[in-house]
Amino acid sequence: MKNFNKREKTRPRIGVFGVGYAKYWPQFEGLYQQMLDKQAVFIDKVKAYDIELIEFGMIDDVTGAYALVPKLKAGNLDLIFCDMLTYATSSTFGVIIRSLDVPIVLVALQPDKALNYSRASTHQQLYNDDICSLPEFTGVAVRMGKKAPEVIIGTLHDDPAADEEIKKYCDIARVLHDLKTARIGHIGHPIEAMLDMHSDATMLTAHFGLHIVQCEAHEIVSKYNEVSTAAVDYEKEKILGFFDTPDPVSDPISEKLRSTDLEVAARVSVALHTFVREKNLTGLAYYYEGEENSLTQQVMTNLIVGNSLLTGAGFPMCGESDLKCCIAMLIMERLGIGGSFAEFHPVDFQENFILVGHDGPHNISIAEGQPVLRSLKKYHGKPGFGAGVEFKIKEGPITMLSITSTYEGKIKFVIAEGMSVEGPIPPTGNTNTRGYFKPDVRTFLTKWVKEGPTHHFALGIGHHAQSLKKIGEYLGIEAVIVA
């Protein structure tokens, strides 16, 4: 499969400030500079994760803390690391945590893996006293009416676990940054009678900060009519480089990809890319039937291939007009774990797994092997016919995120982890992945549905339930992990 152009990553704004204790500096020669040197090492670690870093130096008394607050507010930050360089009184932190709504992570990475006990000194202890103030800082956060901040504990050097934690929070910052500035296009409406999917666009802005761009089907159709023959030929070549086109197997509604279906899919893909670019969209949720046998119906029911290419490139596209699932896909994409449009399909009670997938657009960047295109004589449950995308996601750990809403109108995250296991999938021109969930499929599904999810969810690779839960908490959203 050829490579495809991924969107250029946005760079979240992350602030770093260190804390220390002013009374130590005249008592222990060289300790102050050692603190600055430690902070420089940490800053270099953070810079490695393609973020925009704003350095705020080190504060060591309450006056410095009060002076820092307006600077942090002016930084328009997505996340803040507080580098616990040595013991510091909580007066250097209390007014900061009280005054800010930006997520703050306390970082306690001592330089030495252990003290040299035979030669230990007070100076050496203070040089490695990164942990000392953690309970004081988390305790004062609670007293200020805030949740205890997250913490990273470890060593400054040669600590892969700590480095992975730093990366995780940089990725979370990227999600928070992009949610605040996202423009999610919306065309049409959820399929009639799918009550779980309806959304209030204003409430989505209230919870996530993003903007829902209300679009019209004719905006894509008009661009379809303007696509040149040369552009279509180029897109067909690109599509055939991405996808395999095998002979049909067992499903009578599927055929080997027809040249006419490839032509339509390529022309729609070019029009869709142009539409997304000109509307400056981050993603799109759509469902529009159009008049029977009309050009509008042909175009709007054949977005699957172009949407799969865009989703793989970092622009989540969600069928059946599911805005909430589109946001879930966006969150997963910005975490770097894919995020494919999915729902539950039949259970295999013999081998204890469930098929998870969907018809329509998918994130081909996390496909296991080369994705397949088949011509479908009908899109089941929907009007139209044309090319369908078929693949399963990479084998190994997987994570699911359903974004739902409650009776009170609040947003809720329902999250679970499982495994994508090896084995054949139905050759139906749809995605399907063999999903294994502990302790067994029957128990898992019972627990999952009792949390009130939507029937759609975003499916990503790796185990990232805790990161998704933290994102929900930072947004003030209830987040439940179905264990």
Protein backbone atom coordinates (compact mmCIF):
# COMPACT_ATOMS: atom_id res chain seq x y z
CA MET A 1 0.00 0.00 0.00
CA LYS A 2 1.38 3.42 -0.94
CA ASN A 3 1.82 6.09 1.67
CA PHE A 4 -0.76 8.87 1.83
CA ASN A 5 -0.27 12.44 2.94
CA LYS A 6 -1.09 12.92 6.60
CA ARG A 7 -2.32 16.26 7.89
CA GLU A 8 0.30 18.49 9.43
CA LYS A 9 0.22 18.07 13.19
CA THR A 10 -0.89 21.00 15.27
CA ARG A 11 1.39 21.95 18.13
CA PRO A 12 -0.20 22.32 21.57
CA ARG A 13 1.02 25.10 23.84
CA ILE A 14 2.61 23.64 26.96
CA GLY A 15 4.03 25.69 29.82
CA VAL A 16 6.79 24.59 32.17
CA PHE A 17 7.73 26.19 35.47
CA GLY A 18 9.94 24.83 38.22
CA VAL A 19 9.59 25.18 41.96
CA GLY A 20 12.22 25.37 44.71
CA TYR A 21 12.83 26.92 48.13
CA ALA A 22 14.59 30.30 48.30
CA LYS A 23 16.06 29.62 51.75
CA TYR A 24 18.21 26.80 50.37
CA TRP A 25 20.27 28.85 47.90
CA PRO A 26 22.47 30.81 50.34
CA GLN A 27 22.83 27.70 52.50
CA PHE A 28 24.07 25.31 49.82
CA GLU A 29 26.48 26.67 47.24
CA GLY A 30 25.75 25.58 43.69
CA LEU A 31 22.33 24.08 44.47
CA TYR A 32 20.42 26.84 42.68
CA GLN A 33 22.32 26.27 39.42
CA GLN A 34 21.82 22.52 39.77
CA MET A 35 18.07 23.12 39.90
CA LEU A 36 18.22 25.12 36.67
CA ASP A 37 20.31 22.40 35.05
CA LYS A 38 17.74 19.76 36.08
CA GLN A 39 14.92 21.85 34.63
CA ALA A 40 16.83 22.26 31.35
CA VAL A 41 17.04 18.47 30.99
CA PHE A 42 13.30 18.13 31.56
CA ILE A 43 12.53 20.92 29.10
CA ASP A 44 14.56 19.15 26.42
CA LYS A 45 12.52 16.01 27.03
CA VAL A 46 9.24 17.89 26.51
CA LYS A 47 10.50 19.66 23.38
CA ALA A 48 11.13 16.28 21.75
CA TYR A 49 7.37 15.71 21.35
CA ASP A 50 6.65 18.37 18.70
CA ILE A 51 4.94 20.89 20.93
CA GLU A 52 5.18 24.65 21.42
CA LEU A 53 6.92 25.13 24.76
CA ILE A 54 6.69 28.28 26.87
CA GLU A 55 9.28 28.44 29.65
CA PHE A 56 8.43 30.31 32.85
CA GLY A 57 11.63 29.72 34.79
CA MET A 58 11.69 28.70 38.45
CA ILE A 59 9.78 30.22 41.34
CA ASP A 60 10.91 29.77 44.94
CA ASP A 61 8.60 31.89 47.09
CA VAL A 62 5.02 33.12 47.31
CA THR A 63 5.79 36.46 45.64
CA GLY A 64 7.03 34.63 42.57
CA ALA A 65 3.87 32.51 42.53
CA TYR A 66 1.56 35.53 42.49
CA ALA A 67 3.67 37.15 39.78
CA LEU A 68 3.52 33.98 37.67
CA VAL A 69 -0.28 33.65 37.58
CA PRO A 70 -0.98 36.40 34.99
CA LYS A 71 1.88 35.14 32.82
CA LEU A 72 0.43 31.63 32.79
CA LYS A 73 -3.01 32.99 31.97
CA ALA A 74 -1.61 35.07 29.12
CA GLY A 75 0.12 32.02 27.68
CA ASN A 76 -3.11 30.51 26.29
CA LEU A 77 -1.80 27.13 27.42
CA ASP A 78 -3.27 23.68 26.84
CA LEU A 79 -1.35 22.02 29.68
CA ILE A 80 1.24 22.96 32.32
CA PHE A 81 4.08 20.91 33.76
CA CYS A 82 5.17 21.94 37.26
CA ASP A 83 8.74 20.65 37.63
CA MET A 84 9.28 19.66 41.27
CA LEU A 85 13.00 20.40 41.42
CA THR A 86 13.44 20.08 45.18
CA TYR A 87 11.33 20.70 48.24
CA ALA A 88 9.11 23.78 47.81
CA THR A 89 6.46 25.17 50.12
CA SER A 90 2.91 24.93 48.87
CA SER A 91 2.66 28.74 48.91
CA THR A 92 4.49 28.55 45.57
CA PHE A 93 1.60 26.50 44.18
CA GLY A 94 -1.63 27.30 46.01
CA VAL A 95 -2.53 30.53 44.22
CA ILE A 96 -1.54 28.99 40.86
CA ILE A 97 -3.79 25.94 41.13
CA ARG A 98 -6.58 28.14 42.51
CA SER A 99 -6.41 30.64 39.66
CA LEU A 100 -6.11 28.37 36.60
CA ASP A 101 -8.42 25.94 34.83
CA VAL A 102 -5.61 24.57 32.66
CA PRO A 103 -4.55 20.98 33.49
CA ILE A 104 -1.41 20.95 35.66
CA VAL A 105 0.84 17.89 35.95
CA LEU A 106 3.33 17.66 38.81
CA VAL A 107 6.63 16.18 37.60
CA ALA A 108 8.97 14.67 40.19
CA LEU A 109 12.00 13.22 38.41
CA GLN A 110 15.00 12.95 40.68
CA PRO A 111 18.41 12.93 38.96
CA ASP A 112 19.94 9.97 40.83
CA LYS A 113 18.34 6.55 40.95
CA ALA A 114 19.42 6.28 44.59
CA LEU A 115 21.50 8.24 47.08
CA ASN A 116 25.11 7.25 47.60
CA TYR A 117 24.48 6.36 51.21
CA SER A 118 28.14 6.05 52.25
CA ARG A 119 28.80 9.59 51.03
CA ALA A 120 25.33 11.09 51.46
CA SER A 121 24.91 14.72 52.46
CA THR A 122 22.08 17.17 52.98
CA HIS A 123 23.08 18.81 49.71
CA GLN A 124 22.74 15.49 47.88
CA GLN A 125 19.36 14.88 49.51
CA LEU A 126 18.03 18.30 48.46
CA TYR A 127 19.34 17.72 44.93
CA ASN A 128 17.13 14.60 44.80
CA ASP A 129 14.17 15.88 46.84
CA ASP A 130 11.74 16.06 43.90
CA ILE A 131 9.15 13.86 45.63
CA CYS A 132 9.13 15.68 48.95
CA SER A 133 6.50 18.32 48.17
CA LEU A 134 4.10 16.15 46.20
CA PRO A 135 1.69 15.46 49.09
CA GLU A 136 1.86 19.11 50.16
CA PHE A 137 0.98 20.30 46.64
CA THR A 138 -1.82 17.79 46.03
CA GLY A 139 -3.18 18.47 49.51
CA VAL A 140 -3.32 22.20 48.98
CA ALA A 141 -4.96 21.71 45.57
CA VAL A 142 -7.83 19.90 47.29
CA ARG A 143 -8.04 22.66 49.90
CA MET A 144 -8.33 25.15 47.04
CA GLY A 145 -11.38 23.31 45.73
CA LYS A 146 -9.54 21.57 42.91
CA LYS A 147 -8.86 17.94 42.12
CA ALA A 148 -5.44 16.64 43.05
CA PRO A 149 -3.19 17.15 40.00
CA GLU A 150 -1.82 14.21 38.06
CA VAL A 151 1.79 13.29 38.86
CA ILE A 152 4.77 11.79 37.04
CA ILE A 153 7.20 10.07 39.40
CA GLY A 154 10.54 8.63 38.37
CA THR A 155 14.10 9.56 37.49
CA LEU A 156 15.38 12.29 35.22
CA HIS A 157 17.69 9.98 33.27
CA ASP A 158 17.20 6.55 31.71
CA ASP A 159 13.59 6.13 32.76
CA PRO A 160 11.48 4.96 29.77
CA ALA A 161 8.33 4.78 31.91
CA ALA A 162 8.64 8.44 32.91
CA ASP A 163 9.42 9.45 29.32
CA GLU A 164 6.30 7.63 28.16
CA GLU A 165 4.25 9.51 30.75
CA ILE A 166 5.62 12.84 29.48
CA LYS A 167 4.69 11.85 25.92
CA LYS A 168 1.22 10.81 27.07
CA TYR A 169 0.50 14.23 28.55
CA CYS A 170 1.89 15.98 25.46
CA ASP A 171 -0.55 13.90 23.37
CA ILE A 172 -3.39 14.76 25.75
CA ALA A 173 -2.47 18.44 25.36
CA ARG A 174 -2.68 17.99 21.58
CA VAL A 175 -6.20 16.59 21.93
CA LEU A 176 -7.31 19.43 24.20
CA HIS A 177 -5.77 22.01 21.85
CA ASP A 178 -7.44 20.61 18.74
CA LEU A 179 -10.83 20.19 20.38
CA LYS A 180 -10.85 23.89 21.25
CA THR A 181 -10.19 24.89 17.65
CA ALA A 182 -11.90 22.11 15.66
CA ARG A 183 -14.44 22.79 12.92
CA ILE A 184 -16.64 19.72 12.46
CA GLY A 185 -18.80 19.84 9.37
CA HIS A 186 -22.35 18.51 9.53
CA ILE A 187 -24.50 17.56 6.55
CA GLY A 188 -28.04 16.22 6.76
CA HIS A 189 -29.28 14.37 9.83
CA PRO A 190 -28.93 11.07 11.68
CA ILE A 191 -30.75 8.18 10.05
CA GLU A 192 -34.45 8.38 10.91
CA ALA A 193 -35.25 6.78 14.29
CA MET A 194 -31.65 6.53 15.57
CA LEU A 195 -32.47 8.45 18.73
CA ASP A 196 -29.14 7.72 20.44
CA MET A 197 -27.21 9.77 17.87
CA HIS A 198 -29.00 13.12 17.92
CA SER A 199 -26.84 15.97 19.19
CA ASP A 200 -27.25 19.56 20.30
CA ALA A 201 -24.53 21.48 18.45
CA THR A 202 -24.47 24.20 21.09
CA MET A 203 -23.87 21.65 23.85
CA LEU A 204 -21.02 20.15 21.86
CA THR A 205 -19.44 23.60 21.79
CA ALA A 206 -20.11 23.97 25.52
CA HIS A 207 -18.41 20.67 26.38
CA PHE A 208 -15.56 20.60 23.87
CA GLY A 209 -15.07 24.15 22.62
CA LEU A 210 -15.27 23.07 18.97
CA HIS A 211 -17.59 24.58 16.35
CA ILE A 212 -20.15 22.66 14.30
CA VAL A 213 -20.18 23.98 10.72
CA GLN A 214 -23.61 23.39 9.20
CA CYS A 215 -23.05 22.48 5.55
CA GLU A 216 -25.20 21.61 2.55
CA ALA A 217 -25.05 18.58 0.27
CA HIS A 218 -25.05 20.72 -2.85
CA GLU A 219 -21.68 22.17 -1.80
CA ILE A 220 -20.08 18.79 -2.51
CA VAL A 221 -22.26 18.04 -5.54
CA SER A 222 -21.29 21.31 -7.22
CA LYS A 223 -17.61 20.50 -6.74
CA TYR A 224 -18.23 17.01 -8.14
CA ASN A 225 -19.43 18.63 -11.36
CA GLU A 226 -16.27 20.75 -11.57
CA VAL A 227 -13.72 17.91 -11.20
CA SER A 228 -11.46 17.54 -14.25
CA THR A 229 -10.79 14.27 -16.06
CA ALA A 230 -7.09 14.55 -15.21
CA ALA A 231 -7.89 14.90 -11.50
CA VAL A 232 -10.13 11.83 -11.63
CA ASP A 233 -7.46 9.76 -13.40
CA TYR A 234 -4.88 10.76 -10.79
CA GLU A 235 -7.25 9.93 -7.92
CA LYS A 236 -8.07 6.53 -9.44
CA GLU A 237 -4.38 5.70 -9.59
CA LYS A 238 -3.97 6.78 -5.97
CA ILE A 239 -6.96 4.71 -4.83
CA LEU A 240 -5.73 1.59 -6.62
CA GLY A 241 -2.39 2.11 -4.90
CA PHE A 242 -4.05 2.16 -1.48
CA PHE A 243 -6.55 -0.68 -1.92
CA ASP A 244 -6.61 -4.26 -3.14
CA THR A 245 -9.51 -5.18 -5.44
CA PRO A 246 -9.99 -8.97 -5.08
CA ASP A 247 -12.62 -11.17 -6.64
CA PRO A 248 -15.87 -11.61 -4.68
CA VAL A 249 -16.10 -14.48 -2.23
CA SER A 250 -19.33 -15.49 -0.46
CA ASP A 251 -21.51 -12.37 -0.25
CA PRO A 252 -23.89 -12.17 -3.26
CA ILE A 253 -24.24 -8.38 -2.98
CA SER A 254 -20.48 -7.87 -3.46
CA GLU A 255 -18.58 -7.88 -6.75
CA LYS A 256 -15.07 -7.19 -7.95
CA LEU A 257 -14.63 -3.41 -8.08
CA ARG A 258 -16.39 -2.11 -11.17
CA SER A 259 -14.69 0.57 -13.27
CA THR A 260 -17.84 2.70 -13.08
CA ASP A 261 -17.82 2.55 -9.26
CA LEU A 262 -14.13 3.44 -9.19
CA GLU A 263 -14.82 6.41 -11.48
CA VAL A 264 -17.57 7.75 -9.21
CA ALA A 265 -15.57 7.12 -6.03
CA ALA A 266 -12.54 8.95 -7.44
CA ARG A 267 -14.56 11.94 -8.66
CA VAL A 268 -16.37 12.18 -5.31
CA SER A 269 -13.06 11.89 -3.45
CA VAL A 270 -11.57 14.84 -5.33
CA ALA A 271 -14.73 16.90 -4.73
CA LEU A 272 -14.76 15.96 -1.04
CA HIS A 273 -11.11 16.90 -0.52
CA THR A 274 -11.76 20.27 -2.14
CA PHE A 275 -14.87 20.80 -0.02
CA VAL A 276 -13.03 20.00 3.23
CA ARG A 277 -10.14 22.28 2.33
CA GLU A 278 -12.28 25.25 1.28
CA LYS A 279 -14.56 24.95 4.34
CA ASN A 280 -11.47 24.57 6.57
CA LEU A 281 -12.98 21.51 8.23
CA THR A 282 -11.31 19.33 10.85
CA GLY A 283 -13.81 16.52 10.29
CA LEU A 284 -17.28 15.77 8.92
CA ALA A 285 -20.41 13.91 10.03
CA TYR A 286 -22.89 13.32 7.24
CA TYR A 287 -25.98 11.46 6.11
CA TYR A 288 -28.04 12.65 3.18
CA GLU A 289 -30.22 10.50 0.92
CA GLY A 290 -31.36 12.89 -1.77
CA GLU A 291 -34.00 12.27 -4.40
CA GLU A 292 -34.20 8.73 -5.77
CA ASN A 293 -31.76 8.15 -8.66
CA SER A 294 -30.55 11.77 -8.52
CA LEU A 295 -26.99 13.02 -8.87
CA THR A 296 -27.16 14.23 -5.26
CA GLN A 297 -27.98 10.71 -4.09
CA GLN A 298 -25.16 9.23 -6.17
CA VAL A 299 -22.60 11.67 -4.77
CA MET A 300 -23.71 11.62 -1.13
CA THR A 301 -23.88 7.82 -0.96
CA ASN A 302 -20.43 7.42 -2.48
CA LEU A 303 -18.33 9.40 0.01
CA ILE A 304 -16.96 6.17 1.52
CA VAL A 305 -13.64 5.91 -0.34
CA GLY A 306 -12.77 9.61 -0.13
CA ASN A 307 -13.78 9.70 3.52
CA SER A 308 -11.59 6.70 4.31
CA LEU A 309 -8.61 8.45 2.70
CA LEU A 310 -9.33 11.64 4.62
CA THR A 311 -9.85 9.81 7.91
CA GLY A 312 -6.54 8.00 7.45
CA ALA A 313 -4.90 11.35 6.77
CA GLY A 314 -6.18 12.80 10.05
CA PHE A 315 -9.56 14.29 9.12
CA PRO A 316 -12.20 12.07 10.80
CA MET A 317 -15.25 11.43 8.64
CA CYS A 318 -18.27 9.81 10.21
CA GLY A 319 -21.27 8.31 8.45
CA GLU A 320 -24.89 8.32 9.58
CA SER A 321 -24.38 11.92 10.69
CA ASP A 322 -23.02 10.88 14.09
CA LEU A 323 -21.36 14.05 15.40
CA LYS A 324 -20.51 12.54 18.78
CA CYS A 325 -18.71 9.61 17.20
CA CYS A 326 -16.87 11.99 14.87
CA ILE A 327 -15.53 13.79 17.95
CA ALA A 328 -14.51 10.43 19.47
CA MET A 329 -12.64 9.64 16.25
CA LEU A 330 -10.94 13.05 16.39
CA ILE A 331 -9.81 12.48 19.98
CA MET A 332 -8.29 9.12 19.07
CA GLU A 333 -6.61 10.49 15.95
CA ARG A 334 -4.95 13.28 17.91
CA LEU A 335 -3.74 10.72 20.45
CA GLY A 336 -2.08 8.97 17.52
CA ILE A 337 -4.09 5.76 17.88
CA GLY A 338 -6.29 5.90 14.77
CA GLY A 339 -9.99 5.98 15.56
CA SER A 340 -12.20 4.07 13.13
CA PHE A 341 -16.00 4.22 12.83
CA ALA A 342 -17.37 1.07 14.51
CA GLU A 343 -20.30 -0.73 16.07
CA PHE A 344 -20.94 -4.27 17.29
CA HIS A 345 -21.61 -7.05 14.78
CA PRO A 346 -22.38 -10.75 15.44
CA VAL A 347 -20.78 -12.61 18.35
CA ASP A 348 -18.73 -15.76 17.91
CA PHE A 349 -19.75 -17.70 21.01
CA GLN A 350 -17.56 -20.63 19.99
CA GLU A 351 -14.31 -18.63 20.08
CA ASN A 352 -15.49 -15.92 22.51
CA PHE A 353 -15.08 -12.78 20.40
CA ILE A 354 -17.33 -10.20 18.74
CA LEU A 355 -16.98 -8.61 15.33
CA VAL A 356 -16.60 -4.84 15.60
CA GLY A 357 -16.78 -2.68 12.48
CA HIS A 358 -19.14 -0.77 10.21
CA ASP A 359 -20.03 -0.02 6.64
CA GLY A 360 -18.92 3.35 5.36
CA PRO A 361 -15.71 5.35 5.98
CA HIS A 362 -12.85 4.09 8.14
CA ASN A 363 -9.38 4.93 9.34
CA ILE A 364 -7.18 3.04 6.88
CA SER A 365 -4.02 4.17 8.72
CA ILE A 366 -4.58 1.40 11.30
CA ALA A 367 -5.48 -1.38 8.87
CA GLU A 368 -4.01 -4.86 9.25
CA GLY A 369 -2.56 -5.43 5.79
CA GLN A 370 -3.90 -3.81 2.64
CA PRO A 371 -7.50 -2.56 2.73
CA VAL A 372 -9.92 -3.94 0.17
CA LEU A 373 -12.38 -2.24 -2.17
CA ARG A 374 -15.41 -4.16 -3.37
CA SER A 375 -18.36 -3.05 -5.47
CA LEU A 376 -21.59 -3.44 -3.53
CA LYS A 377 -24.89 -3.84 -5.38
CA LYS A 378 -26.60 -2.17 -2.43
CA TYR A 379 -25.59 -0.35 0.75
CA HIS A 380 -27.62 -2.32 3.28
CA GLY A 381 -30.11 -0.17 5.14
CA LYS A 382 -29.27 2.87 3.00
CA PRO A 383 -29.95 4.02 -0.53
CA GLY A 384 -27.43 3.74 -3.33
CA PHE A 385 -24.65 1.39 -4.39
CA GLY A 386 -20.96 1.60 -5.22
CA ALA A 387 -17.54 0.96 -3.71
CA GLY A 388 -17.26 -0.34 -0.15
CA VAL A 389 -14.18 -0.40 2.08
CA GLU A 390 -13.25 -3.65 3.83
CA PHE A 391 -10.46 -4.30 6.33
CA LYS A 392 -9.74 -5.14 9.95
CA ILE A 393 -7.63 -3.02 12.25
CA LYS A 394 -4.17 -4.08 13.40
CA GLU A 395 -3.95 -7.12 15.63
CA GLY A 396 -3.08 -6.51 19.27
CA PRO A 397 -4.44 -4.17 21.96
CA ILE A 398 -7.45 -2.00 21.06
CA THR A 399 -9.45 0.74 22.79
CA MET A 400 -13.05 1.84 22.26
CA LEU A 401 -14.56 5.26 23.01
CA SER A 402 -18.28 5.95 22.80
CA ILE A 403 -19.38 9.54 23.42
CA THR A 404 -22.97 9.55 24.60
CA SER A 405 -25.30 11.95 26.37
CA THR A 406 -27.44 11.56 29.47
CA TYR A 407 -31.02 12.42 30.37
CA GLU A 408 -29.72 15.66 31.89
CA GLY A 409 -28.10 16.58 28.56
CA LYS A 410 -24.55 16.04 29.77
CA ILE A 411 -21.82 14.34 27.74
CA LYS A 412 -20.41 11.01 28.92
CA PHE A 413 -17.42 8.91 27.81
CA VAL A 414 -17.82 5.12 27.80
CA ILE A 415 -14.42 3.47 27.36
CA ALA A 416 -13.13 -0.09 27.15
CA GLU A 417 -9.99 -2.00 26.21
CA GLY A 418 -9.70 -5.32 24.42
CA MET A 419 -7.69 -7.22 21.84
CA SER A 420 -7.91 -7.46 18.07
CA VAL A 421 -7.29 -11.15 17.40
CA GLU A 422 -6.18 -12.97 14.30
CA GLY A 423 -8.68 -14.70 12.05
CA PRO A 424 -10.88 -14.29 8.96
CA ILE A 425 -13.56 -11.62 8.66
CA PRO A 426 -16.74 -11.61 6.54
CA PRO A 427 -15.97 -10.54 2.92
CA THR A 428 -18.86 -8.05 2.84
CA GLY A 429 -17.16 -4.85 1.73
CA ASN A 430 -17.34 -3.53 5.32
CA THR A 431 -14.73 -3.33 8.06
CA ASN A 432 -14.77 -6.01 10.71
CA THR A 433 -12.31 -6.80 13.47
CA ARG A 434 -12.35 -9.79 15.80
CA GLY A 435 -12.60 -8.10 19.19
CA TYR A 436 -11.83 -10.07 22.34
CA PHE A 437 -12.87 -8.57 25.68
CA LYS A 438 -12.37 -9.89 29.22
CA PRO A 439 -13.62 -11.77 31.10
CA ASP A 440 -15.82 -13.10 28.28
CA VAL A 441 -17.85 -11.53 25.49
CA ARG A 442 -21.22 -12.07 27.19
CA THR A 443 -20.15 -10.42 30.48
CA PHE A 444 -18.36 -7.57 28.73
CA LEU A 445 -21.30 -6.67 26.48
CA THR A 446 -23.68 -6.72 29.44
CA LYS A 447 -21.47 -4.25 31.33
CA TRP A 448 -20.89 -2.06 28.24
CA VAL A 449 -24.54 -1.57 27.31
CA LYS A 450 -25.52 -0.80 30.91
CA GLU A 451 -23.42 2.39 30.74
CA GLY A 452 -25.79 3.81 28.11
CA PRO A 453 -23.39 4.25 25.17
CA THR A 454 -24.41 5.11 21.63
CA HIS A 455 -24.34 2.17 19.24
CA HIS A 456 -21.38 3.75 17.44
CA PHE A 457 -17.91 4.15 18.90
CA ALA A 458 -14.40 5.02 17.78
CA LEU A 459 -12.01 2.07 17.63
CA GLY A 460 -8.28 2.65 18.07
CA ILE A 461 -5.10 0.66 18.51
CA GLY A 462 -3.24 0.21 21.80
CA HIS A 463 -4.55 0.42 25.34
CA HIS A 464 -5.34 4.06 26.15
CA ALA A 465 -8.35 3.97 28.45
CA GLN A 466 -6.61 5.96 31.17
CA SER A 467 -5.58 8.73 28.75
CA LEU A 468 -9.16 8.99 27.46
CA LYS A 469 -10.47 9.08 31.03
CA LYS A 470 -8.06 11.92 31.86
CA ILE A 471 -9.20 13.86 28.78
CA GLY A 472 -12.79 13.48 29.94
CA GLU A 473 -11.89 14.67 33.43
CA TYR A 474 -9.98 17.68 32.09
CA LEU A 475 -13.07 18.59 30.05
CA GLY A 476 -15.37 18.13 33.04
CA ILE A 477 -16.99 15.10 31.40
CA GLU A 478 -17.96 11.89 33.17
CA ALA A 479 -15.74 9.08 31.91
CA VAL A 480 -16.40 5.42 32.71
CA ILE A 481 -14.04 2.56 31.92
CA VAL A 482 -15.91 -0.72 31.46
CA ALA A 483 -13.49 -3.07 33.19
